[in-house]
Amino acid sequence: MPREISFPSEIGGWKWDGKAKNYNSRTLFDYIDGAAELFLAYGFKNLTVRRLEKPGQPPIVVEVYEMGSSEDAYGVFSFERQDEDAGIGQGSEFGGGLLRFWKGKYFVSIYAEGEGSGVESGILSVGKAVAQSIGEIGREPKLISYLPGEPAGLVERSLRFIRSHVLLNQRFFVAHRNILNLNPKTEAVLAQYLRNRQKSHLLLIRYSTVREAGEGFQSFTKAYMPEAAGKDRLLTEDRKWTFARQNREFVLIVFGASNEADGEELLQAAEEKILMGR
């Protein structure tokens, strides 16, 4: 466990067994082979795993991931978020016996190796104690503040902070190739919007420089919407609208707008938020 976290040895009758397993970027695959790439994409530093035991109950496993920054911890949490907030840490969810939350530069996952009458309450108690032991308060990615909110139809739990085109494709497939030129220094946020029961997606990307944004924008429009002939919008074969626009170091893309007016309105709302945030 990182030195700045004072992990409690007993929580509500659940006692730490005194052992801790630690993993770094080279050994993480030994613990979570199928999901290690997700954490590595968000600047993973190390993982500490501890087990807590209570007579007559299955062990509770606590996984504390130290990420590269608080923005990265938020990103890991957001990438698979789907359940209601549990009120733990700076953002959390609890469902199916799994508690996930982030706080500071840490992402935490807590679950039990079995079922029991007091297991769910035990998981939540452990989660609250672990969150309290993390003194650091982190920042959410500033990029998400540029997203139009609920009045525009934002589906809150759909928001994903993304670091690579591989992760983007896992949540919304764009292309096999990295046609947006995403790299470790770019930031992207993907969110779903729902208006009049019609679903669309907004992808907002911030590049390191205006030049990089221009190159990413040109690469995307050339590969994804060549029929647009230089315009910033295209009616696709499924009768949905795609919009793409560059605003200095930002690239804004709307996928699947049900009509041209809604797509334009969503794009303009995002541009207004960017202007206000400068």
C-alpha atoms as a PDB file:
ATOM      1  CA  MET A   1       0.000   0.000   0.000  1.00  0.00           C
ATOM      2  CA  PRO A   2       1.377   3.442  -0.829  1.00  0.00           C
ATOM      3  CA  ARG A   3       2.871   5.107   2.225  1.00  0.00           C
ATOM      4  CA  GLU A   4       0.431   8.028   2.102  1.00  0.00           C
ATOM      5  CA  ILE A   5      -2.499   5.618   2.644  1.00  0.00           C
ATOM      6  CA  SER A   6      -3.055   4.407   6.200  1.00  0.00           C
ATOM      7  CA  PHE A   7      -4.896   1.167   5.544  1.00  0.00           C
ATOM      8  CA  PRO A   8      -6.955   0.062   8.587  1.00  0.00           C
ATOM      9  CA  SER A   9      -6.181  -3.441   9.902  1.00  0.00           C
ATOM     10  CA  GLU A  10      -9.786  -4.081  10.981  1.00  0.00           C
ATOM     11  CA  ILE A  11     -13.062  -2.743   9.622  1.00  0.00           C
ATOM     12  CA  GLY A  12     -16.401  -3.793  11.090  1.00  0.00           C
ATOM     13  CA  GLY A  13     -15.085  -7.195  12.157  1.00  0.00           C
ATOM     14  CA  TRP A  14     -13.231  -7.788   8.888  1.00  0.00           C
ATOM     15  CA  LYS A  15      -9.521  -8.205   9.628  1.00  0.00           C
ATOM     16  CA  TRP A  16      -6.618  -7.819   7.258  1.00  0.00           C
ATOM     17  CA  ASP A  17      -4.711 -11.108   6.991  1.00  0.00           C
ATOM     18  CA  GLY A  18      -1.403  -9.242   7.224  1.00  0.00           C
ATOM     19  CA  LYS A  19      -0.331  -9.998   3.676  1.00  0.00           C
ATOM     20  CA  ALA A  20      -0.093  -7.668   0.704  1.00  0.00           C
ATOM     21  CA  LYS A  21       0.623  -8.413  -2.937  1.00  0.00           C
ATOM     22  CA  ASN A  22       2.202  -5.677  -5.028  1.00  0.00           C
ATOM     23  CA  TYR A  23       2.367  -5.383  -8.807  1.00  0.00           C
ATOM     24  CA  ASN A  24       4.116  -2.933 -11.104  1.00  0.00           C
ATOM     25  CA  SER A  25       3.725  -2.253 -14.824  1.00  0.00           C
ATOM     26  CA  ARG A  26       5.801  -5.343 -15.675  1.00  0.00           C
ATOM     27  CA  THR A  27       3.975  -7.769 -13.391  1.00  0.00           C
ATOM     28  CA  LEU A  28       0.413  -6.423 -13.668  1.00  0.00           C
ATOM     29  CA  PHE A  29      -0.329  -8.947 -16.438  1.00  0.00           C
ATOM     30  CA  ASP A  30       0.309 -11.724 -13.893  1.00  0.00           C
ATOM     31  CA  TYR A  31      -2.691 -10.487 -11.909  1.00  0.00           C
ATOM     32  CA  ILE A  32      -5.133  -9.216 -14.553  1.00  0.00           C
ATOM     33  CA  ASP A  33      -3.915 -10.427 -17.921  1.00  0.00           C
ATOM     34  CA  GLY A  34      -7.036  -9.468 -19.839  1.00  0.00           C
ATOM     35  CA  ALA A  35      -7.463  -5.946 -18.475  1.00  0.00           C
ATOM     36  CA  ALA A  36      -3.909  -4.765 -17.843  1.00  0.00           C
ATOM     37  CA  GLU A  37      -3.850  -2.688 -21.039  1.00  0.00           C
ATOM     38  CA  LEU A  38      -6.668  -0.519 -19.716  1.00  0.00           C
ATOM     39  CA  PHE A  39      -4.696   0.494 -16.631  1.00  0.00           C
ATOM     40  CA  LEU A  40      -1.427   0.931 -18.516  1.00  0.00           C
ATOM     41  CA  ALA A  41      -3.157   3.338 -20.916  1.00  0.00           C
ATOM     42  CA  TYR A  42      -3.954   5.562 -17.928  1.00  0.00           C
ATOM     43  CA  GLY A  43      -0.405   5.823 -16.584  1.00  0.00           C
ATOM     44  CA  PHE A  44      -0.554   2.912 -14.132  1.00  0.00           C
ATOM     45  CA  LYS A  45       2.138   3.001 -11.402  1.00  0.00           C
ATOM     46  CA  ASN A  46       1.446   0.108  -9.055  1.00  0.00           C
ATOM     47  CA  LEU A  47      -1.237  -2.107  -7.538  1.00  0.00           C
ATOM     48  CA  THR A  48      -1.578  -3.316  -3.959  1.00  0.00           C
ATOM     49  CA  VAL A  49      -3.966  -6.177  -3.173  1.00  0.00           C
ATOM     50  CA  ARG A  50      -5.092  -7.047   0.357  1.00  0.00           C
ATOM     51  CA  ARG A  51      -7.577  -9.554   1.763  1.00  0.00           C
ATOM     52  CA  LEU A  52      -9.783  -9.090   4.797  1.00  0.00           C
ATOM     53  CA  GLU A  53     -11.321 -12.046   6.604  1.00  0.00           C
ATOM     54  CA  LYS A  54     -14.211 -12.583   8.981  1.00  0.00           C
ATOM     55  CA  PRO A  55     -15.347 -15.888  10.505  1.00  0.00           C
ATOM     56  CA  GLY A  56     -18.243 -17.394   8.572  1.00  0.00           C
ATOM     57  CA  GLN A  57     -17.920 -14.940   5.691  1.00  0.00           C
ATOM     58  CA  PRO A  58     -16.044 -15.036   2.367  1.00  0.00           C
ATOM     59  CA  PRO A  59     -12.869 -12.899   2.205  1.00  0.00           C
ATOM     60  CA  ILE A  60     -13.112  -9.340   0.914  1.00  0.00           C
ATOM     61  CA  VAL A  61     -10.469  -8.340  -1.613  1.00  0.00           C
ATOM     62  CA  VAL A  62      -9.251  -4.753  -1.841  1.00  0.00           C
ATOM     63  CA  GLU A  63      -7.368  -3.601  -4.945  1.00  0.00           C
ATOM     64  CA  VAL A  64      -5.752  -0.165  -4.805  1.00  0.00           C
ATOM     65  CA  TYR A  65      -4.381   1.069  -8.133  1.00  0.00           C
ATOM     66  CA  GLU A  66      -2.042   4.036  -8.087  1.00  0.00           C
ATOM     67  CA  MET A  67      -2.414   5.846 -11.403  1.00  0.00           C
ATOM     68  CA  GLY A  68      -0.350   8.530 -13.107  1.00  0.00           C
ATOM     69  CA  SER A  69      -2.665  11.352 -12.012  1.00  0.00           C
ATOM     70  CA  SER A  70      -6.096  12.019 -10.561  1.00  0.00           C
ATOM     71  CA  GLU A  71      -7.341  12.522 -14.134  1.00  0.00           C
ATOM     72  CA  ASP A  72      -6.131   9.018 -14.966  1.00  0.00           C
ATOM     73  CA  ALA A  73      -7.820   7.556 -11.877  1.00  0.00           C
ATOM     74  CA  TYR A  74     -11.026   9.229 -12.969  1.00  0.00           C
ATOM     75  CA  GLY A  75     -10.509   7.853 -16.480  1.00  0.00           C
ATOM     76  CA  VAL A  76     -10.234   4.247 -15.296  1.00  0.00           C
ATOM     77  CA  PHE A  77     -13.352   4.677 -13.190  1.00  0.00           C
ATOM     78  CA  SER A  78     -15.329   6.329 -15.987  1.00  0.00           C
ATOM     79  CA  PHE A  79     -14.381   3.776 -18.611  1.00  0.00           C
ATOM     80  CA  GLU A  80     -16.590   1.000 -17.215  1.00  0.00           C
ATOM     81  CA  ARG A  81     -19.029   2.988 -15.105  1.00  0.00           C
ATOM     82  CA  GLN A  82     -22.643   1.828 -15.316  1.00  0.00           C
ATOM     83  CA  ASP A  83     -24.224   1.632 -11.838  1.00  0.00           C
ATOM     84  CA  GLU A  84     -25.551   4.220  -9.397  1.00  0.00           C
ATOM     85  CA  ASP A  85     -23.175   6.271  -7.244  1.00  0.00           C
ATOM     86  CA  ALA A  86     -22.488   4.752  -3.834  1.00  0.00           C
ATOM     87  CA  GLY A  87     -21.365   8.012  -2.220  1.00  0.00           C
ATOM     88  CA  ILE A  88     -17.800   6.826  -1.634  1.00  0.00           C
ATOM     89  CA  GLY A  89     -14.634   8.656  -2.669  1.00  0.00           C
ATOM     90  CA  GLN A  90     -14.885  11.280  -5.408  1.00  0.00           C
ATOM     91  CA  GLY A  91     -16.982   9.066  -7.649  1.00  0.00           C
ATOM     92  CA  SER A  92     -18.206   5.519  -7.141  1.00  0.00           C
ATOM     93  CA  GLU A  93     -20.581   2.767  -8.149  1.00  0.00           C
ATOM     94  CA  PHE A  94     -21.775  -0.407  -6.465  1.00  0.00           C
ATOM     95  CA  GLY A  95     -23.503  -3.260  -8.247  1.00  0.00           C
ATOM     96  CA  GLY A  96     -23.287  -7.013  -8.507  1.00  0.00           C
ATOM     97  CA  GLY A  97     -21.195  -7.198  -5.364  1.00  0.00           C
ATOM     98  CA  LEU A  98     -18.466  -4.979  -6.814  1.00  0.00           C
ATOM     99  CA  LEU A  99     -17.565  -1.543  -5.453  1.00  0.00           C
ATOM    100  CA  ARG A 100     -15.506   0.752  -7.680  1.00  0.00           C
ATOM    101  CA  PHE A 101     -14.416   4.281  -6.789  1.00  0.00           C
ATOM    102  CA  TRP A 102     -11.695   6.851  -7.365  1.00  0.00           C
ATOM    103  CA  LYS A 103     -10.120   9.401  -5.079  1.00  0.00           C
ATOM    104  CA  GLY A 104      -7.000  11.434  -5.686  1.00  0.00           C
ATOM    105  CA  LYS A 105      -4.719   9.481  -8.002  1.00  0.00           C
ATOM    106  CA  TYR A 106      -6.124   6.155  -6.820  1.00  0.00           C
ATOM    107  CA  PHE A 107      -8.690   3.816  -8.337  1.00  0.00           C
ATOM    108  CA  VAL A 108     -10.063   1.206  -5.944  1.00  0.00           C
ATOM    109  CA  SER A 109     -11.953  -2.010  -6.596  1.00  0.00           C
ATOM    110  CA  ILE A 110     -13.459  -4.048  -3.724  1.00  0.00           C
ATOM    111  CA  TYR A 111     -15.344  -7.337  -3.908  1.00  0.00           C
ATOM    112  CA  ALA A 112     -15.953 -10.527  -1.936  1.00  0.00           C
ATOM    113  CA  GLU A 113     -14.871 -14.029  -2.931  1.00  0.00           C
ATOM    114  CA  GLY A 114     -18.346 -15.400  -2.368  1.00  0.00           C
ATOM    115  CA  GLU A 115     -21.747 -14.464  -0.966  1.00  0.00           C
ATOM    116  CA  GLY A 116     -23.102 -14.022   2.531  1.00  0.00           C
ATOM    117  CA  SER A 117     -25.756 -12.158   4.496  1.00  0.00           C
ATOM    118  CA  GLY A 118     -23.449  -9.352   5.580  1.00  0.00           C
ATOM    119  CA  VAL A 119     -21.121  -9.264   2.624  1.00  0.00           C
ATOM    120  CA  GLU A 120     -22.543  -6.247   0.777  1.00  0.00           C
ATOM    121  CA  SER A 121     -22.593  -4.065   3.882  1.00  0.00           C
ATOM    122  CA  GLY A 122     -19.071  -5.293   4.650  1.00  0.00           C
ATOM    123  CA  ILE A 123     -17.833  -4.266   1.198  1.00  0.00           C
ATOM    124  CA  LEU A 124     -19.333  -0.793   1.606  1.00  0.00           C
ATOM    125  CA  SER A 125     -17.858  -0.393   5.097  1.00  0.00           C
ATOM    126  CA  VAL A 126     -14.426  -1.394   3.830  1.00  0.00           C
ATOM    127  CA  GLY A 127     -14.783   0.978   0.903  1.00  0.00           C
ATOM    128  CA  LYS A 128     -15.642   3.928   3.123  1.00  0.00           C
ATOM    129  CA  ALA A 129     -12.676   3.201   5.391  1.00  0.00           C
ATOM    130  CA  VAL A 130     -10.266   2.905   2.474  1.00  0.00           C
ATOM    131  CA  ALA A 131     -11.581   6.138   0.936  1.00  0.00           C
ATOM    132  CA  GLN A 132     -11.148   7.944   4.242  1.00  0.00           C
ATOM    133  CA  SER A 133      -7.564   6.686   4.476  1.00  0.00           C
ATOM    134  CA  ILE A 134      -6.738   8.409   1.173  1.00  0.00           C
ATOM    135  CA  GLY A 135      -6.073  11.980   2.207  1.00  0.00           C
ATOM    136  CA  GLU A 136      -5.525  13.304  -1.291  1.00  0.00           C
ATOM    137  CA  ILE A 137      -8.307  15.001  -3.225  1.00  0.00           C
ATOM    138  CA  GLY A 138      -7.830  14.950  -6.989  1.00  0.00           C
ATOM    139  CA  ARG A 139      -9.105  16.909  -9.928  1.00  0.00           C
ATOM    140  CA  GLU A 140     -11.469  15.651 -12.570  1.00  0.00           C
ATOM    141  CA  PRO A 141     -10.209  16.184 -16.119  1.00  0.00           C
ATOM    142  CA  LYS A 142     -10.937  19.794 -17.078  1.00  0.00           C
ATOM    143  CA  LEU A 143     -12.020  18.535 -20.479  1.00  0.00           C
ATOM    144  CA  ILE A 144     -15.275  17.147 -19.112  1.00  0.00           C
ATOM    145  CA  SER A 145     -16.335  20.633 -18.008  1.00  0.00           C
ATOM    146  CA  TYR A 146     -16.637  21.542 -21.699  1.00  0.00           C
ATOM    147  CA  LEU A 147     -19.419  19.017 -22.261  1.00  0.00           C
ATOM    148  CA  PRO A 148     -22.960  20.386 -22.522  1.00  0.00           C
ATOM    149  CA  GLY A 149     -24.910  19.104 -19.515  1.00  0.00           C
ATOM    150  CA  GLU A 150     -28.357  17.740 -18.787  1.00  0.00           C
ATOM    151  CA  PRO A 151     -30.339  20.441 -20.648  1.00  0.00           C
ATOM    152  CA  ALA A 152     -28.680  19.185 -23.839  1.00  0.00           C
ATOM    153  CA  GLY A 153     -29.607  15.600 -22.956  1.00  0.00           C
ATOM    154  CA  LEU A 154     -26.336  14.359 -21.442  1.00  0.00           C
ATOM    155  CA  VAL A 155     -26.539  10.786 -20.116  1.00  0.00           C
ATOM    156  CA  GLU A 156     -24.286  11.240 -17.086  1.00  0.00           C
ATOM    157  CA  ARG A 157     -23.134   7.657 -16.621  1.00  0.00           C
ATOM    158  CA  SER A 158     -22.149   7.404 -20.303  1.00  0.00           C
ATOM    159  CA  LEU A 159     -19.253   9.830 -19.902  1.00  0.00           C
ATOM    160  CA  ARG A 160     -15.845   8.270 -20.697  1.00  0.00           C
ATOM    161  CA  PHE A 161     -12.474   9.988 -20.346  1.00  0.00           C
ATOM    162  CA  ILE A 162     -10.216   8.290 -22.888  1.00  0.00           C
ATOM    163  CA  ARG A 163      -6.476   8.194 -23.559  1.00  0.00           C
ATOM    164  CA  SER A 164      -6.137   6.126 -26.750  1.00  0.00           C
ATOM    165  CA  HIS A 165      -7.937   5.166 -29.946  1.00  0.00           C
ATOM    166  CA  VAL A 166      -7.976   1.519 -28.798  1.00  0.00           C
ATOM    167  CA  LEU A 167     -10.030   2.502 -25.742  1.00  0.00           C
ATOM    168  CA  LEU A 168     -12.220   4.769 -27.848  1.00  0.00           C
ATOM    169  CA  ASN A 169     -13.057   1.914 -30.191  1.00  0.00           C
ATOM    170  CA  GLN A 170     -14.069  -0.247 -27.228  1.00  0.00           C
ATOM    171  CA  ARG A 171     -16.731   2.289 -26.292  1.00  0.00           C
ATOM    172  CA  PHE A 172     -17.591   3.715 -29.726  1.00  0.00           C
ATOM    173  CA  PHE A 173     -16.008   2.230 -32.814  1.00  0.00           C
ATOM    174  CA  VAL A 174     -14.599   4.851 -35.168  1.00  0.00           C
ATOM    175  CA  ALA A 175     -11.997   3.058 -37.299  1.00  0.00           C
ATOM    176  CA  HIS A 176      -9.411   0.330 -37.006  1.00  0.00           C
ATOM    177  CA  ARG A 177      -6.657   2.830 -37.726  1.00  0.00           C
ATOM    178  CA  ASN A 178      -5.900   5.746 -35.442  1.00  0.00           C
ATOM    179  CA  ILE A 179      -7.419   8.282 -37.843  1.00  0.00           C
ATOM    180  CA  LEU A 180      -7.749  10.902 -35.085  1.00  0.00           C
ATOM    181  CA  ASN A 181      -4.014  10.774 -34.319  1.00  0.00           C
ATOM    182  CA  LEU A 182      -4.653  10.182 -30.627  1.00  0.00           C
ATOM    183  CA  ASN A 183      -1.459   9.861 -28.575  1.00  0.00           C
ATOM    184  CA  PRO A 184      -0.506   9.783 -24.872  1.00  0.00           C
ATOM    185  CA  LYS A 185      -0.567  13.590 -24.724  1.00  0.00           C
ATOM    186  CA  THR A 186      -4.057  13.993 -26.154  1.00  0.00           C
ATOM    187  CA  GLU A 187      -7.200  13.854 -24.054  1.00  0.00           C
ATOM    188  CA  ALA A 188     -10.619  12.789 -25.224  1.00  0.00           C
ATOM    189  CA  VAL A 189     -14.049  12.581 -23.663  1.00  0.00           C
ATOM    190  CA  LEU A 190     -16.957  10.648 -25.122  1.00  0.00           C
ATOM    191  CA  ALA A 191     -20.537  11.091 -23.972  1.00  0.00           C
ATOM    192  CA  GLN A 192     -23.978   9.967 -25.053  1.00  0.00           C
ATOM    193  CA  TYR A 193     -26.864  12.407 -25.483  1.00  0.00           C
ATOM    194  CA  LEU A 194     -30.555  11.575 -25.552  1.00  0.00           C
ATOM    195  CA  ARG A 195     -33.108  13.961 -27.043  1.00  0.00           C
ATOM    196  CA  ASN A 196     -36.660  13.007 -27.916  1.00  0.00           C
ATOM    197  CA  ARG A 197     -35.636   9.368 -27.416  1.00  0.00           C
ATOM    198  CA  GLN A 198     -32.974   9.775 -30.110  1.00  0.00           C
ATOM    199  CA  LYS A 199     -29.400   8.885 -29.187  1.00  0.00           C
ATOM    200  CA  SER A 200     -26.231  10.597 -30.393  1.00  0.00           C
ATOM    201  CA  HIS A 201     -22.613  10.810 -29.222  1.00  0.00           C
ATOM    202  CA  LEU A 202     -20.302  13.751 -28.732  1.00  0.00           C
ATOM    203  CA  LEU A 203     -16.542  13.206 -28.913  1.00  0.00           C
ATOM    204  CA  LEU A 204     -14.409  16.084 -27.680  1.00  0.00           C
ATOM    205  CA  ILE A 205     -10.627  15.912 -28.115  1.00  0.00           C
ATOM    206  CA  ARG A 206      -7.960  18.312 -26.882  1.00  0.00           C
ATOM    207  CA  TYR A 207      -4.567  18.121 -28.575  1.00  0.00           C
ATOM    208  CA  SER A 208      -1.274  19.529 -27.323  1.00  0.00           C
ATOM    209  CA  THR A 209      -1.159  22.181 -30.047  1.00  0.00           C
ATOM    210  CA  VAL A 210      -3.422  23.809 -32.607  1.00  0.00           C
ATOM    211  CA  ARG A 211      -1.286  22.240 -35.333  1.00  0.00           C
ATOM    212  CA  GLU A 212      -1.812  18.730 -33.950  1.00  0.00           C
ATOM    213  CA  ALA A 213      -5.539  19.391 -33.739  1.00  0.00           C
ATOM    214  CA  GLY A 214      -5.556  20.477 -37.372  1.00  0.00           C
ATOM    215  CA  GLU A 215      -3.697  17.355 -38.445  1.00  0.00           C
ATOM    216  CA  GLY A 216      -6.076  15.126 -36.460  1.00  0.00           C
ATOM    217  CA  PHE A 217      -9.107  16.918 -37.868  1.00  0.00           C
ATOM    218  CA  GLN A 218      -7.881  16.617 -41.459  1.00  0.00           C
ATOM    219  CA  SER A 219      -7.013  12.954 -40.981  1.00  0.00           C
ATOM    220  CA  PHE A 220     -10.461  12.201 -39.550  1.00  0.00           C
ATOM    221  CA  THR A 221     -12.493  14.046 -42.173  1.00  0.00           C
ATOM    222  CA  LYS A 222     -10.468  12.571 -45.024  1.00  0.00           C
ATOM    223  CA  ALA A 223     -10.877   8.996 -43.767  1.00  0.00           C
ATOM    224  CA  TYR A 224     -14.336   9.106 -42.140  1.00  0.00           C
ATOM    225  CA  MET A 225     -16.382  11.603 -44.131  1.00  0.00           C
ATOM    226  CA  PRO A 226     -14.734  12.198 -47.534  1.00  0.00           C
ATOM    227  CA  GLU A 227     -18.165  12.704 -49.135  1.00  0.00           C
ATOM    228  CA  ALA A 228     -18.636  15.877 -47.087  1.00  0.00           C
ATOM    229  CA  ALA A 229     -16.494  17.690 -49.659  1.00  0.00           C
ATOM    230  CA  GLY A 230     -15.061  20.169 -47.195  1.00  0.00           C
ATOM    231  CA  LYS A 231     -18.286  20.765 -45.248  1.00  0.00           C
ATOM    232  CA  ASP A 232     -18.418  20.143 -41.491  1.00  0.00           C
ATOM    233  CA  ARG A 233     -21.370  17.733 -41.681  1.00  0.00           C
ATOM    234  CA  LEU A 234     -22.570  14.689 -43.555  1.00  0.00           C
ATOM    235  CA  LEU A 235     -25.850  12.770 -43.787  1.00  0.00           C
ATOM    236  CA  THR A 236     -24.795   9.123 -43.568  1.00  0.00           C
ATOM    237  CA  GLU A 237     -26.405   6.047 -45.079  1.00  0.00           C
ATOM    238  CA  ASP A 238     -28.387   5.358 -41.905  1.00  0.00           C
ATOM    239  CA  ARG A 239     -30.018   8.813 -42.262  1.00  0.00           C
ATOM    240  CA  LYS A 240     -28.069  10.150 -39.285  1.00  0.00           C
ATOM    241  CA  TRP A 241     -25.838  13.203 -39.202  1.00  0.00           C
ATOM    242  CA  THR A 242     -22.105  13.325 -38.454  1.00  0.00           C
ATOM    243  CA  PHE A 243     -20.523  16.680 -37.628  1.00  0.00           C
ATOM    244  CA  ALA A 244     -16.813  17.493 -37.260  1.00  0.00           C
ATOM    245  CA  ARG A 245     -15.287  20.843 -36.387  1.00  0.00           C
ATOM    246  CA  GLN A 246     -11.933  22.181 -35.181  1.00  0.00           C
ATOM    247  CA  ASN A 247     -11.805  24.923 -32.559  1.00  0.00           C
ATOM    248  CA  ARG A 248      -8.162  25.870 -31.945  1.00  0.00           C
ATOM    249  CA  GLU A 249      -6.600  22.878 -30.115  1.00  0.00           C
ATOM    250  CA  PHE A 250      -9.958  21.102 -29.863  1.00  0.00           C
ATOM    251  CA  VAL A 251     -11.693  18.789 -32.304  1.00  0.00           C
ATOM    252  CA  LEU A 252     -15.440  18.264 -31.789  1.00  0.00           C
ATOM    253  CA  ILE A 253     -17.349  15.431 -33.440  1.00  0.00           C
ATOM    254  CA  VAL A 254     -21.030  14.532 -33.216  1.00  0.00           C
ATOM    255  CA  PHE A 255     -21.986  11.014 -34.281  1.00  0.00           C
ATOM    256  CA  GLY A 256     -25.520   9.871 -35.039  1.00  0.00           C
ATOM    257  CA  ALA A 257     -27.546  13.069 -34.689  1.00  0.00           C
ATOM    258  CA  SER A 258     -31.152  12.334 -35.678  1.00  0.00           C
ATOM    259  CA  ASN A 259     -31.462  15.633 -37.526  1.00  0.00           C
ATOM    260  CA  GLU A 260     -29.228  18.447 -38.678  1.00  0.00           C
ATOM    261  CA  ALA A 261     -30.587  21.010 -36.221  1.00  0.00           C
ATOM    262  CA  ASP A 262     -29.930  18.835 -33.155  1.00  0.00           C
ATOM    263  CA  GLY A 263     -26.400  18.066 -34.289  1.00  0.00           C
ATOM    264  CA  GLU A 264     -25.600  21.726 -34.890  1.00  0.00           C
ATOM    265  CA  GLU A 265     -27.119  22.727 -31.560  1.00  0.00           C
ATOM    266  CA  LEU A 266     -25.039  20.170 -29.646  1.00  0.00           C
ATOM    267  CA  LEU A 267     -21.858  21.217 -31.415  1.00  0.00           C
ATOM    268  CA  GLN A 268     -22.499  24.908 -30.737  1.00  0.00           C
ATOM    269  CA  ALA A 269     -23.242  24.223 -27.077  1.00  0.00           C
ATOM    270  CA  ALA A 270     -19.867  22.513 -26.706  1.00  0.00           C
ATOM    271  CA  GLU A 271     -18.089  25.374 -28.474  1.00  0.00           C
ATOM    272  CA  GLU A 272     -19.728  27.864 -26.118  1.00  0.00           C
ATOM    273  CA  LYS A 273     -18.511  25.879 -23.126  1.00  0.00           C
ATOM    274  CA  ILE A 274     -14.966  25.884 -24.544  1.00  0.00           C
ATOM    275  CA  LEU A 275     -15.122  29.656 -25.068  1.00  0.00           C
ATOM    276  CA  MET A 276     -16.353  30.220 -21.511  1.00  0.00           C
ATOM    277  CA  GLY A 277     -13.635  27.973 -20.105  1.00  0.00           C
ATOM    278  CA  ARG A 278     -10.708  29.816 -21.668  1.00  0.00           C
END
